[in-house]
Amino acid sequence: MSTAIVRAEIQRFLQSKSPEVLCISGRWGVGKTYSWQKYLGEAELAEELSVEQYAYVSLFGINSLAELRNSIVEETVEAKRNLTSLASAATLWRALRRGKRYILKRRPMLDLAAGYFRMKDAGDALYRAAFLGVRGQLICFDDLERAGKPLEMRDILGLASMLREQRGCKVVLLMNKERVAPEQQEELDRQLEKVVDSFLVFEPTSAEAAAIAIEGDDPVAELVRSRLIALDITNIRVMKKVERWARLLEAILVGTDDAIRDQAVSTVTLAGWCFLQRDGAPGFDFLRTFNPVSGLFGDKEVSAGEKKWRELFRSYGYGMPNELDAEIVDGVAAGFFRADAICENAMEVQARLRRDSRDSSFSKAWRLYHQTLTSDDDAVLDALYAGAVENLAAIAPVNVNATVLFLRRYGRDQQASELIQRYMEVSGSELSFFKDWDRFFGNDPVDQELRAAMEAGRAAILDERDPAEVLRRMARSRGFNPTEDIALFSKLSVEELVELLESNPGEELQGMVYWADILSKQPNAALLRANVTSAFAKIAAKSPMRADRLRSWGVWSPEGEPEPKVQADSAPEGDQ
């Protein structure tokens, strides 16, 4: 059912003075509650409401009719005070006073006093009196399927029917009918038929949901909407979280080019989808290692699921992730963005984009291959080699790898080797060039000559960073550079690692030990792993207490050896 139909029916329901029950069903997250509150607020602002009081009650965790009745009293607000505002102590006090006045008008004082004494306390009496005053108002019951087990569906719908028939109320029911417990499903269908006057199924399209969730016509709002629609997202909770992340990035990237902002928004939308809707989206590993030219030659078998995600990513416009994409994906996974790192990476990407426009000869050569069936093979290969040579300073390693593999496939081995040599001469003189160069390849093939040249170039550059400070940075930021940091620590011997950890006591020591262990467990860190394991073993062998400490930190355990025991006579003197 389209949102236009749902909206029109809700507007009719709110304007009508007739007591009735409206039920709106839809999957979790599609925006039933959000849309209901939005349409209610619009009707109130336009002064089109037929009621003066409103109560919103979520049945999540409510276990009895008494609790439900009390919740109606507690949550009632008045139209002139904004129906969509939250109830408060003041609104509850007004409801209790109305209930008291209602009783005094209709029952003798003696009966009221007797009622007080029959009940456990005066508070219970006031709540009961206040509920008797619930008449002619609007009530929304949300999350019907999440009510406590003691509260059955027929009791909830029976109360809704009573409020309509005996109290002249308008009741709206919000629920996910598909998630009702199987044992209550038959009873629900039977009671809905008896109680509900209008039944709506809320199933917005992605475009309809985005129009509801993302307001505004500024560039970020428009881009977020278009990106959500491209991924066919309909869950409004996901949309609102993505919008929040996009706004955070917008604030961080103030002053950068629009292209950088647009890239960040597109990436955070894709990452948010992968993170928040894991059942229907690929994982972060796929996002981090995506390569649009992977499988270009048909040498790698691709599953149906992977093929589906690759086609979606290409149509979405997501290419090889760069350092800015990686930082944003890591931020979504961690739950926060490192503003300094995002700005630094954004500046690098921006400078590269300014150098490498879409009209470069390298881009034109690849388009010649992808977009025509009439070009001569040698013409394509010549153009590709010439374009790569002309734009060496602006080409990412992953694209050089694709070009080298392409040239080799069609018998241009000499040109492939020459391209690698020229690429290293132009770009391989700074340590920053090797940052993350291989983190995005995943399982895709890497030309062995290129890999050897990159590793040799990286090893030849002196990394003057202090290993201890690098470990402290890892502990503070909870992250690391898998290429540079593994290379740095792999140069340390076992004895140097032991000295590093023993000579840096303090509050940060445990974090340093933990992140040294994490770094050593990364792919392509076999040497580091062996050295770190040996370093931990050497430290543990110095005393049972040190062994226990490393074990408690989760970084070391003796393989095939009994756990060290502290001797009673070796305990330190003084307080234990």
Protein backbone atom coordinates (compact mmCIF):
# COMPACT_ATOMS: atom_id res chain seq x y z
CA MET A 1 0.00 0.00 0.00
CA SER A 2 1.51 3.34 -1.03
CA THR A 3 2.29 6.02 1.53
CA ALA A 4 -0.13 8.36 -0.27
CA ILE A 5 -3.03 6.04 0.54
CA VAL A 6 -1.83 5.57 4.12
CA ARG A 7 -1.41 9.30 4.59
CA ALA A 8 -4.84 10.09 3.20
CA GLU A 9 -6.52 7.52 5.45
CA ILE A 10 -4.68 8.80 8.54
CA GLN A 11 -5.71 12.37 7.71
CA ARG A 12 -9.33 11.25 7.34
CA PHE A 13 -9.10 9.36 10.64
CA LEU A 14 -7.71 12.38 12.50
CA GLN A 15 -10.28 14.80 11.08
CA SER A 16 -13.28 12.57 11.71
CA LYS A 17 -15.15 12.98 14.99
CA SER A 18 -16.51 9.42 14.90
CA PRO A 19 -15.08 6.93 17.42
CA GLU A 20 -13.21 4.23 15.50
CA VAL A 21 -10.24 1.87 15.55
CA LEU A 22 -7.53 2.14 12.90
CA CYS A 23 -4.84 -0.55 12.58
CA ILE A 24 -1.55 0.07 10.72
CA SER A 25 0.67 -2.97 10.18
CA GLY A 26 4.15 -3.10 8.70
CA ARG A 27 7.60 -4.58 9.15
CA TRP A 28 9.88 -3.30 11.90
CA GLY A 29 11.80 -0.22 10.94
CA VAL A 30 9.72 0.85 7.92
CA GLY A 31 8.55 3.96 9.76
CA LYS A 32 5.04 3.23 11.06
CA THR A 33 5.57 5.14 14.29
CA TYR A 34 7.68 7.85 12.67
CA SER A 35 5.09 8.47 9.95
CA TRP A 36 2.16 8.37 12.37
CA GLN A 37 3.75 10.98 14.62
CA LYS A 38 4.70 13.10 11.62
CA TYR A 39 1.19 13.08 10.14
CA LEU A 40 -0.29 13.71 13.60
CA GLY A 41 1.96 16.74 14.08
CA GLU A 42 1.03 18.10 10.66
CA ALA A 43 -2.69 17.73 11.41
CA GLU A 44 -2.31 19.45 14.76
CA LEU A 45 -0.37 22.33 13.20
CA ALA A 46 -3.09 22.72 10.56
CA GLU A 47 -5.75 22.63 13.32
CA GLU A 48 -7.46 19.67 11.65
CA LEU A 49 -7.72 17.43 14.74
CA SER A 50 -11.06 16.33 16.06
CA VAL A 51 -9.74 15.59 19.57
CA GLU A 52 -8.15 17.61 22.34
CA GLN A 53 -6.25 14.89 24.18
CA TYR A 54 -3.82 12.20 23.03
CA ALA A 55 -1.93 9.30 24.60
CA TYR A 56 0.88 7.35 22.97
CA VAL A 57 1.55 4.01 24.65
CA SER A 58 4.15 1.42 23.64
CA LEU A 59 3.13 -2.04 24.77
CA PHE A 60 6.72 -3.24 24.85
CA GLY A 61 7.12 -4.92 28.23
CA ILE A 62 3.61 -4.14 29.51
CA ASN A 63 2.30 -7.26 31.26
CA SER A 64 -1.27 -6.52 32.34
CA LEU A 65 -4.39 -4.55 31.50
CA ALA A 66 -3.93 -2.57 34.70
CA GLU A 67 -0.48 -1.43 33.54
CA LEU A 68 -1.91 -0.58 30.13
CA ARG A 69 -4.76 1.48 31.59
CA ASN A 70 -2.33 3.32 33.89
CA SER A 71 -0.04 4.02 30.94
CA ILE A 72 -2.89 5.68 29.06
CA VAL A 73 -3.42 7.99 32.03
CA GLU A 74 0.29 8.72 32.41
CA GLU A 75 0.90 9.45 28.72
CA THR A 76 -2.10 11.69 28.02
CA VAL A 77 -1.26 15.19 26.75
CA GLU A 78 -3.47 18.03 25.56
CA ALA A 79 -3.66 19.39 22.02
CA LYS A 80 -3.06 22.95 23.06
CA ARG A 81 0.19 21.81 24.65
CA ASN A 82 1.41 19.87 21.57
CA LEU A 83 0.18 16.31 21.15
CA THR A 84 3.53 14.99 19.97
CA SER A 85 5.34 16.27 23.07
CA LEU A 86 6.30 13.91 25.86
CA ALA A 87 4.09 13.42 28.88
CA SER A 88 5.41 14.80 32.17
CA ALA A 89 4.58 15.03 35.86
CA ALA A 90 2.47 18.09 35.07
CA THR A 91 0.38 16.27 32.44
CA LEU A 92 -0.10 13.31 34.81
CA TRP A 93 -1.23 15.64 37.60
CA ARG A 94 -3.79 17.23 35.30
CA ALA A 95 -5.08 13.78 34.31
CA LEU A 96 -5.44 12.71 37.94
CA ARG A 97 -7.29 15.93 38.81
CA ARG A 98 -9.64 15.41 35.87
CA GLY A 99 -10.34 11.89 37.12
CA LYS A 100 -11.07 13.14 40.60
CA ARG A 101 -13.46 15.80 39.31
CA TYR A 102 -15.17 13.21 37.12
CA ILE A 103 -15.82 10.94 40.13
CA LEU A 104 -17.01 13.76 42.37
CA LYS A 105 -19.61 14.76 39.80
CA ARG A 106 -21.00 11.28 39.43
CA ARG A 107 -20.65 9.54 42.77
CA PRO A 108 -21.38 10.59 46.33
CA MET A 109 -18.42 11.49 48.50
CA LEU A 110 -19.26 8.53 50.73
CA ASP A 111 -18.81 6.07 47.88
CA LEU A 112 -15.54 7.72 46.92
CA ALA A 113 -14.22 7.50 50.48
CA ALA A 114 -15.32 3.87 50.71
CA GLY A 115 -13.51 3.18 47.48
CA TYR A 116 -10.34 4.66 48.91
CA PHE A 117 -10.50 2.37 51.91
CA ARG A 118 -11.21 -0.73 49.82
CA MET A 119 -8.15 -0.14 47.68
CA LYS A 120 -4.59 -0.70 48.76
CA ASP A 121 -3.65 2.96 48.50
CA ALA A 122 -4.93 6.32 47.35
CA GLY A 123 -2.63 6.31 44.35
CA ASP A 124 -4.38 3.28 42.91
CA ALA A 125 -7.72 4.97 43.47
CA LEU A 126 -6.60 8.13 41.69
CA TYR A 127 -5.35 6.14 38.68
CA ARG A 128 -8.65 4.28 38.45
CA ALA A 129 -10.55 7.52 38.74
CA ALA A 130 -8.36 9.13 36.12
CA PHE A 131 -8.95 6.24 33.71
CA LEU A 132 -12.69 6.71 34.13
CA GLY A 133 -12.11 10.20 32.76
CA VAL A 134 -10.53 8.90 29.54
CA ARG A 135 -13.26 9.83 27.11
CA GLY A 136 -13.38 11.17 23.58
CA GLN A 137 -9.60 11.24 23.17
CA LEU A 138 -7.08 9.83 20.72
CA ILE A 139 -5.03 6.84 21.85
CA CYS A 140 -2.17 5.13 20.02
CA PHE A 141 -1.16 1.59 21.00
CA ASP A 142 2.25 0.82 19.49
CA ASP A 143 4.30 -2.42 19.43
CA LEU A 144 1.32 -4.71 19.99
CA GLU A 145 3.37 -7.77 19.05
CA ARG A 146 5.94 -6.93 21.77
CA ALA A 147 3.54 -6.88 24.72
CA GLY A 148 4.48 -9.01 27.73
CA LYS A 149 3.42 -12.65 27.59
CA PRO A 150 0.79 -12.35 30.36
CA LEU A 151 -1.03 -9.69 28.30
CA GLU A 152 -2.86 -11.45 25.49
CA MET A 153 -3.83 -9.92 22.17
CA ARG A 154 -7.55 -10.36 22.80
CA ASP A 155 -7.25 -8.33 26.03
CA ILE A 156 -5.55 -5.45 24.17
CA LEU A 157 -8.10 -5.45 21.36
CA GLY A 158 -10.91 -5.81 23.88
CA LEU A 159 -9.73 -2.65 25.63
CA ALA A 160 -9.50 -0.85 22.27
CA SER A 161 -13.08 -1.90 21.51
CA MET A 162 -14.30 -0.72 24.90
CA LEU A 163 -12.59 2.65 24.49
CA ARG A 164 -14.33 3.12 21.15
CA GLU A 165 -17.79 1.81 22.10
CA GLN A 166 -18.13 3.05 25.68
CA ARG A 167 -15.75 6.00 25.90
CA GLY A 168 -16.10 7.49 22.40
CA CYS A 169 -12.32 7.31 21.78
CA LYS A 170 -10.39 7.07 18.56
CA VAL A 171 -7.78 4.30 18.77
CA VAL A 172 -4.90 3.60 16.40
CA LEU A 173 -3.01 0.30 16.61
CA LEU A 174 0.57 0.06 15.27
CA MET A 175 1.98 -3.43 14.88
CA ASN A 176 4.09 -5.86 12.90
CA LYS A 177 1.46 -8.50 12.24
CA GLU A 178 4.05 -10.93 10.87
CA ARG A 179 5.89 -11.00 14.21
CA VAL A 180 2.93 -11.90 16.40
CA ALA A 181 3.52 -15.16 18.27
CA PRO A 182 2.14 -18.14 16.26
CA GLU A 183 -0.15 -19.19 19.10
CA GLN A 184 -1.81 -15.75 19.04
CA GLN A 185 -2.03 -15.35 15.27
CA GLU A 186 -5.42 -17.02 14.82
CA GLU A 187 -6.90 -15.11 17.76
CA LEU A 188 -5.45 -11.87 16.40
CA ASP A 189 -7.04 -12.34 12.98
CA ARG A 190 -10.40 -13.09 14.56
CA GLN A 191 -10.30 -10.09 16.91
CA LEU A 192 -9.02 -7.69 14.27
CA GLU A 193 -11.99 -8.53 12.10
CA LYS A 194 -14.34 -7.72 14.99
CA VAL A 195 -12.61 -4.66 16.40
CA VAL A 196 -10.81 -2.77 13.61
CA ASP A 197 -12.73 -0.38 11.37
CA SER A 198 -9.84 0.35 8.96
CA PHE A 199 -6.76 -1.78 8.33
CA LEU A 200 -3.70 -0.39 6.54
CA VAL A 201 -0.51 -2.16 5.49
CA PHE A 202 2.44 0.25 5.56
CA GLU A 203 4.91 -0.86 2.88
CA PRO A 204 6.69 2.23 1.56
CA THR A 205 9.04 2.03 -1.38
CA SER A 206 12.58 3.19 -0.83
CA ALA A 207 11.77 6.52 -2.48
CA GLU A 208 8.68 7.01 -0.30
CA ALA A 209 10.55 6.10 2.89
CA ALA A 210 13.44 8.41 2.01
CA ALA A 211 11.02 11.28 1.38
CA ILE A 212 9.53 10.72 4.84
CA ALA A 213 12.80 10.23 6.73
CA ILE A 214 15.18 12.74 5.09
CA GLU A 215 13.92 16.29 5.10
CA GLY A 216 15.46 19.31 3.42
CA ASP A 217 16.67 20.16 -0.07
CA ASP A 218 20.33 20.92 0.64
CA PRO A 219 22.98 18.93 -1.28
CA VAL A 220 23.65 16.45 1.55
CA ALA A 221 19.96 15.69 2.09
CA GLU A 222 19.40 15.17 -1.63
CA LEU A 223 22.47 12.96 -1.96
CA VAL A 224 21.55 10.85 1.07
CA ARG A 225 18.08 10.29 -0.36
CA SER A 226 19.44 9.27 -3.75
CA ARG A 227 22.01 6.92 -2.20
CA LEU A 228 19.40 5.27 0.04
CA ILE A 229 17.15 4.74 -2.96
CA ALA A 230 20.02 3.28 -4.98
CA LEU A 231 20.45 0.62 -2.26
CA ASP A 232 16.67 0.07 -2.03
CA ILE A 233 16.68 0.75 1.73
CA THR A 234 13.20 1.08 3.28
CA ASN A 235 14.07 0.93 6.98
CA ILE A 236 13.63 4.43 8.37
CA ARG A 237 15.73 3.71 11.46
CA VAL A 238 18.64 2.89 9.17
CA MET A 239 17.94 6.02 7.13
CA LYS A 240 18.01 8.30 10.17
CA LYS A 241 21.28 6.81 11.43
CA VAL A 242 22.85 7.20 8.00
CA GLU A 243 21.66 10.80 7.84
CA ARG A 244 23.23 11.51 11.24
CA TRP A 245 26.57 10.06 10.10
CA ALA A 246 26.39 12.05 6.87
CA ARG A 247 25.83 15.28 8.80
CA LEU A 248 28.78 14.52 11.07
CA LEU A 249 31.01 14.02 8.03
CA GLU A 250 29.64 17.19 6.44
CA ALA A 251 30.75 19.15 9.50
CA ILE A 252 34.17 17.47 9.56
CA LEU A 253 34.79 18.12 5.84
CA VAL A 254 33.86 21.81 5.77
CA GLY A 255 36.10 23.57 3.25
CA THR A 256 36.79 20.54 1.06
CA ASP A 257 35.62 20.16 -2.53
CA ASP A 258 32.05 19.05 -3.17
CA ALA A 259 33.40 15.88 -4.74
CA ILE A 260 35.03 14.89 -1.43
CA ARG A 261 31.86 15.59 0.51
CA ASP A 262 29.81 13.59 -1.99
CA GLN A 263 32.25 10.68 -1.81
CA ALA A 264 32.06 10.67 1.99
CA VAL A 265 28.26 10.72 2.01
CA SER A 266 28.06 7.93 -0.57
CA THR A 267 30.55 5.79 1.32
CA VAL A 268 28.95 6.29 4.74
CA THR A 269 25.55 5.36 3.29
CA LEU A 270 26.97 2.16 1.84
CA ALA A 271 28.87 1.36 5.05
CA GLY A 272 25.80 2.08 7.16
CA TRP A 273 23.74 -0.31 5.06
CA CYS A 274 26.37 -3.06 5.41
CA PHE A 275 26.62 -2.45 9.18
CA LEU A 276 22.95 -1.99 10.08
CA GLN A 277 21.31 -4.48 7.71
CA ARG A 278 23.72 -7.38 7.84
CA ASP A 279 21.16 -9.99 6.79
CA GLY A 280 20.65 -8.36 3.40
CA ALA A 281 24.01 -6.73 2.70
CA PRO A 282 27.63 -7.84 2.23
CA GLY A 283 30.04 -7.65 5.12
CA PHE A 284 32.68 -5.03 5.82
CA ASP A 285 35.44 -7.23 4.41
CA PHE A 286 33.76 -7.12 1.00
CA LEU A 287 33.33 -3.35 1.30
CA ARG A 288 36.95 -2.77 2.31
CA THR A 289 38.44 -5.01 -0.38
CA PHE A 290 36.08 -4.29 -3.27
CA ASN A 291 37.87 -4.06 -6.58
CA PRO A 292 35.76 -3.16 -9.63
CA VAL A 293 38.24 -4.81 -11.97
CA SER A 294 38.32 -8.05 -9.97
CA GLY A 295 37.49 -11.01 -12.20
CA LEU A 296 38.09 -8.87 -15.27
CA PHE A 297 39.72 -11.79 -17.07
CA GLY A 298 37.42 -14.50 -15.77
CA ASP A 299 40.27 -16.24 -13.94
CA LYS A 300 38.49 -16.25 -10.58
CA GLU A 301 35.28 -18.09 -9.83
CA VAL A 302 32.66 -15.73 -8.38
CA SER A 303 29.67 -16.94 -6.39
CA ALA A 304 26.16 -15.81 -7.28
CA GLY A 305 26.01 -13.71 -4.11
CA GLU A 306 29.33 -12.01 -4.78
CA LYS A 307 28.32 -11.35 -8.38
CA LYS A 308 25.13 -9.72 -7.14
CA TRP A 309 27.01 -7.42 -4.76
CA ARG A 310 29.59 -6.53 -7.41
CA GLU A 311 26.88 -5.53 -9.85
CA LEU A 312 25.17 -3.45 -7.17
CA PHE A 313 28.39 -1.69 -6.14
CA ARG A 314 29.21 -0.86 -9.75
CA SER A 315 25.73 0.54 -10.41
CA TYR A 316 25.98 2.46 -7.12
CA GLY A 317 29.19 4.07 -8.36
CA TYR A 318 31.46 2.65 -5.67
CA GLY A 319 34.92 1.97 -7.05
CA MET A 320 38.19 0.95 -5.48
CA PRO A 321 38.06 2.25 -1.87
CA ASN A 322 40.75 4.81 -1.11
CA GLU A 323 42.12 6.01 2.23
CA LEU A 324 39.14 8.28 2.89
CA ASP A 325 36.69 5.45 2.24
CA ALA A 326 38.68 3.16 4.55
CA GLU A 327 38.65 5.69 7.39
CA ILE A 328 34.90 6.22 7.06
CA VAL A 329 34.20 2.46 7.01
CA ASP A 330 36.39 2.02 10.10
CA GLY A 331 34.49 4.85 11.80
CA VAL A 332 31.12 3.23 11.17
CA ALA A 333 32.45 -0.08 12.50
CA ALA A 334 33.95 1.56 15.60
CA GLY A 335 30.98 3.81 16.32
CA PHE A 336 32.86 7.12 15.99
CA PHE A 337 34.79 9.09 13.38
CA ARG A 338 38.38 10.23 13.85
CA ALA A 339 38.03 13.79 12.56
CA ASP A 340 41.77 14.44 12.18
CA ALA A 341 42.34 11.24 10.20
CA ILE A 342 39.32 11.92 7.98
CA CYS A 343 40.51 15.45 7.21
CA GLU A 344 44.06 14.26 6.49
CA ASN A 345 42.88 11.54 4.14
CA ALA A 346 40.36 13.86 2.50
CA MET A 347 43.13 16.34 1.66
CA GLU A 348 45.20 13.58 0.07
CA VAL A 349 42.29 12.32 -2.02
CA GLN A 350 41.31 15.86 -2.99
CA ALA A 351 44.81 16.65 -4.22
CA ARG A 352 44.89 13.44 -6.23
CA LEU A 353 41.47 14.09 -7.77
CA ARG A 354 42.50 17.57 -8.81
CA ARG A 355 45.51 16.11 -10.60
CA ASP A 356 43.64 13.23 -12.17
CA SER A 357 40.51 14.41 -13.96
CA ARG A 358 38.18 11.99 -15.73
CA ASP A 359 39.48 13.19 -19.09
CA SER A 360 43.03 11.92 -18.46
CA SER A 361 44.53 9.74 -21.16
CA PHE A 362 44.62 6.83 -18.71
CA SER A 363 40.87 7.04 -18.07
CA LYS A 364 40.19 7.41 -21.79
CA ALA A 365 42.21 4.28 -22.52
CA TRP A 366 40.17 2.19 -20.08
CA ARG A 367 36.95 3.58 -21.54
CA LEU A 368 38.23 2.55 -24.95
CA TYR A 369 38.35 -1.03 -23.67
CA HIS A 370 35.07 -1.02 -21.72
CA GLN A 371 32.86 0.95 -24.09
CA THR A 372 33.60 -0.26 -27.62
CA LEU A 373 33.79 -3.49 -29.61
CA THR A 374 35.42 -1.96 -32.68
CA SER A 375 38.80 -0.82 -31.33
CA ASP A 376 41.85 -2.80 -32.46
CA ASP A 377 43.52 -4.76 -29.62
CA ASP A 378 46.93 -3.16 -30.20
CA ALA A 379 45.34 0.29 -30.21
CA VAL A 380 43.77 -0.37 -26.81
CA LEU A 381 47.02 -1.75 -25.35
CA ASP A 382 49.13 1.10 -26.75
CA ALA A 383 46.70 3.70 -25.42
CA LEU A 384 46.60 2.04 -22.01
CA TYR A 385 50.37 1.89 -21.66
CA ALA A 386 50.84 5.45 -22.89
CA GLY A 387 48.06 6.75 -20.63
CA ALA A 388 49.53 5.01 -17.60
CA VAL A 389 53.01 6.39 -18.25
CA GLU A 390 51.60 9.89 -18.71
CA ASN A 391 49.69 9.77 -15.41
CA LEU A 392 52.00 7.73 -13.17
CA ALA A 393 51.98 10.29 -10.34
CA ALA A 394 48.18 10.18 -10.07
CA ILE A 395 47.45 6.45 -10.41
CA ALA A 396 46.75 4.33 -7.34
CA PRO A 397 48.75 1.08 -6.99
CA VAL A 398 45.65 -1.04 -7.44
CA ASN A 399 45.01 0.52 -10.85
CA VAL A 400 48.63 0.05 -11.85
CA ASN A 401 48.25 -3.60 -10.83
CA ALA A 402 45.19 -3.98 -13.07
CA THR A 403 47.05 -2.36 -15.95
CA VAL A 404 50.12 -4.56 -15.49
CA LEU A 405 47.99 -7.72 -15.39
CA PHE A 406 46.11 -6.53 -18.47
CA LEU A 407 49.31 -5.92 -20.42
CA ARG A 408 50.74 -9.31 -19.45
CA ARG A 409 47.54 -11.11 -20.45
CA TYR A 410 47.88 -9.86 -24.00
CA GLY A 411 51.61 -10.48 -24.41
CA ARG A 412 53.01 -7.10 -23.37
CA ASP A 413 55.34 -8.39 -20.61
CA GLN A 414 58.15 -5.95 -21.42
CA GLN A 415 55.81 -2.96 -21.23
CA ALA A 416 54.38 -4.30 -17.96
CA SER A 417 57.85 -4.51 -16.39
CA GLU A 418 58.80 -1.08 -17.73
CA LEU A 419 55.61 0.37 -16.26
CA ILE A 420 56.46 -1.06 -12.82
CA GLN A 421 59.98 0.38 -12.96
CA ARG A 422 58.76 3.83 -14.02
CA TYR A 423 56.01 3.78 -11.41
CA MET A 424 58.46 3.12 -8.59
CA GLU A 425 60.83 5.83 -9.85
CA VAL A 426 58.06 8.42 -9.90
CA SER A 427 56.09 7.52 -6.77
CA GLY A 428 58.13 5.24 -4.50
CA SER A 429 60.46 7.66 -2.74
CA GLU A 430 58.21 8.51 0.25
CA LEU A 431 56.97 6.22 3.01
CA SER A 432 53.46 7.71 2.72
CA PHE A 433 53.23 6.27 -0.81
CA PHE A 434 53.13 2.75 0.63
CA LYS A 435 50.33 3.52 3.08
CA ASP A 436 47.57 0.94 2.65
CA TRP A 437 48.83 0.06 -0.86
CA ASP A 438 47.85 -3.59 -0.50
CA ARG A 439 44.95 -3.53 1.95
CA PHE A 440 42.27 -3.40 -0.75
CA PHE A 441 43.36 -6.30 -2.95
CA GLY A 442 41.74 -8.98 -0.78
CA ASN A 443 41.90 -12.28 -2.65
CA ASP A 444 42.41 -10.66 -6.05
CA PRO A 445 45.67 -11.50 -7.88
CA VAL A 446 48.57 -9.09 -7.55
CA ASP A 447 51.34 -9.10 -10.10
CA GLN A 448 54.32 -10.67 -8.36
CA GLU A 449 56.87 -8.33 -9.90
CA LEU A 450 54.84 -5.33 -8.75
CA ARG A 451 54.43 -6.77 -5.24
CA ALA A 452 58.17 -7.45 -4.98
CA ALA A 453 58.98 -3.92 -6.17
CA MET A 454 56.56 -2.35 -3.67
CA GLU A 455 57.88 -4.41 -0.76
CA ALA A 456 61.49 -3.68 -1.68
CA GLY A 457 60.75 0.03 -2.02
CA ARG A 458 59.02 0.15 1.34
CA ALA A 459 61.84 -1.74 3.06
CA ALA A 460 64.45 0.61 1.60
CA ILE A 461 62.86 3.68 3.24
CA LEU A 462 63.84 4.29 6.85
CA ASP A 463 60.84 4.49 9.14
CA GLU A 464 62.00 6.84 11.91
CA ARG A 465 58.89 6.55 14.04
CA ASP A 466 59.30 5.51 17.67
CA PRO A 467 57.77 2.01 18.02
CA ALA A 468 56.67 2.72 21.60
CA GLU A 469 54.81 5.87 20.54
CA VAL A 470 53.24 3.98 17.63
CA LEU A 471 51.88 1.37 20.07
CA ARG A 472 50.53 4.11 22.33
CA ARG A 473 48.80 5.68 19.33
CA MET A 474 47.22 2.33 18.48
CA ALA A 475 45.93 2.00 22.05
CA ARG A 476 44.47 5.50 22.03
CA SER A 477 42.90 5.41 18.56
CA ARG A 478 42.08 1.67 18.56
CA GLY A 479 43.41 1.37 15.04
CA PHE A 480 46.57 0.95 13.00
CA ASN A 481 48.01 1.10 9.51
CA PRO A 482 48.36 -2.54 8.43
CA THR A 483 51.11 -1.83 5.92
CA GLU A 484 53.40 0.70 7.59
CA ASP A 485 53.02 -0.54 11.15
CA ILE A 486 53.58 -4.23 10.33
CA ALA A 487 56.69 -3.25 8.36
CA LEU A 488 57.98 -1.13 11.27
CA PHE A 489 57.56 -3.78 13.96
CA SER A 490 58.74 -6.64 11.74
CA LYS A 491 62.19 -5.03 11.79
CA LEU A 492 62.44 -5.47 15.57
CA SER A 493 64.11 -8.55 16.97
CA VAL A 494 62.64 -10.62 19.81
CA GLU A 495 65.03 -8.96 22.28
CA GLU A 496 64.07 -5.49 21.03
CA LEU A 497 60.37 -6.29 21.46
CA VAL A 498 61.00 -7.51 25.03
CA GLU A 499 62.92 -4.32 25.84
CA LEU A 500 60.20 -2.20 24.24
CA LEU A 501 57.48 -3.66 26.48
CA GLU A 502 59.54 -3.81 29.66
CA SER A 503 60.88 -0.26 29.38
CA ASN A 504 57.48 1.43 29.07
CA PRO A 505 55.62 0.92 32.37
CA GLY A 506 52.46 2.87 33.08
CA GLU A 507 48.73 2.99 32.50
CA GLU A 508 49.15 2.48 28.74
CA LEU A 509 51.25 -0.68 29.01
CA GLN A 510 48.33 -3.11 28.82
CA GLY A 511 46.99 -1.36 25.71
CA MET A 512 50.44 -1.45 24.11
CA VAL A 513 50.75 -5.18 24.76
CA TYR A 514 47.24 -5.81 23.47
CA TRP A 515 47.78 -3.92 20.21
CA ALA A 516 51.18 -5.49 19.61
CA ASP A 517 49.36 -8.84 19.77
CA ILE A 518 46.57 -7.64 17.46
CA LEU A 519 49.04 -6.28 14.90
CA SER A 520 50.98 -9.54 14.86
CA LYS A 521 47.82 -11.48 13.97
CA GLN A 522 47.20 -9.56 10.75
CA PRO A 523 47.69 -11.15 7.30
CA ASN A 524 51.22 -10.93 5.90
CA ALA A 525 52.68 -10.58 9.43
CA ALA A 526 54.11 -14.09 9.89
CA LEU A 527 57.57 -12.87 10.96
CA LEU A 528 56.10 -10.35 13.39
CA ARG A 529 53.79 -13.00 14.84
CA ALA A 530 56.70 -15.35 15.52
CA ASN A 531 58.74 -12.59 17.17
CA VAL A 532 55.87 -11.27 19.31
CA THR A 533 55.01 -14.80 20.49
CA SER A 534 58.65 -15.41 21.41
CA ALA A 535 58.84 -12.04 23.19
CA PHE A 536 55.77 -12.84 25.29
CA ALA A 537 57.22 -16.26 26.11
CA LYS A 538 60.53 -14.72 27.25
CA ILE A 539 58.70 -12.24 29.49
CA ALA A 540 56.45 -14.98 30.91
CA ALA A 541 59.42 -17.20 31.66
CA LYS A 542 60.91 -14.59 33.99
CA SER A 543 58.33 -15.20 36.73
CA PRO A 544 54.97 -16.92 37.33
CA MET A 545 53.37 -13.54 38.11
CA ARG A 546 54.41 -12.07 34.77
CA ALA A 547 53.06 -15.14 33.02
CA ASP A 548 49.75 -14.77 34.85
CA ARG A 549 49.60 -11.08 33.97
CA LEU A 550 50.10 -11.73 30.25
CA ARG A 551 47.54 -14.52 30.37
CA SER A 552 44.98 -12.27 32.09
CA TRP A 553 45.51 -9.70 29.34
CA GLY A 554 44.61 -12.38 26.79
CA VAL A 555 47.86 -12.26 24.81
CA TRP A 556 49.74 -15.36 25.91
CA SER A 557 49.18 -18.93 27.01
CA PRO A 558 51.77 -21.72 27.28
CA GLU A 559 51.20 -24.45 24.74
CA GLY A 560 51.41 -27.88 26.30
CA GLU A 561 52.83 -26.51 29.56
CA PRO A 562 51.20 -26.49 33.02
CA GLU A 563 50.03 -23.13 34.28
CA PRO A 564 52.67 -21.50 36.47
CA LYS A 565 51.75 -21.45 40.14
CA VAL A 566 52.82 -18.80 42.63
CA GLN A 567 54.61 -20.34 45.60
CA ALA A 568 53.32 -19.30 49.00
CA ASP A 569 56.77 -18.33 50.23
CA SER A 570 57.34 -16.12 47.16
CA ALA A 571 54.42 -13.74 47.77
CA PRO A 572 55.47 -10.14 48.51
CA GLU A 573 55.45 -8.98 52.08
CA GLY A 574 52.90 -6.48 53.31
CA ASP A 575 49.24 -6.15 52.36
CA GLN A 576 47.96 -8.99 50.19
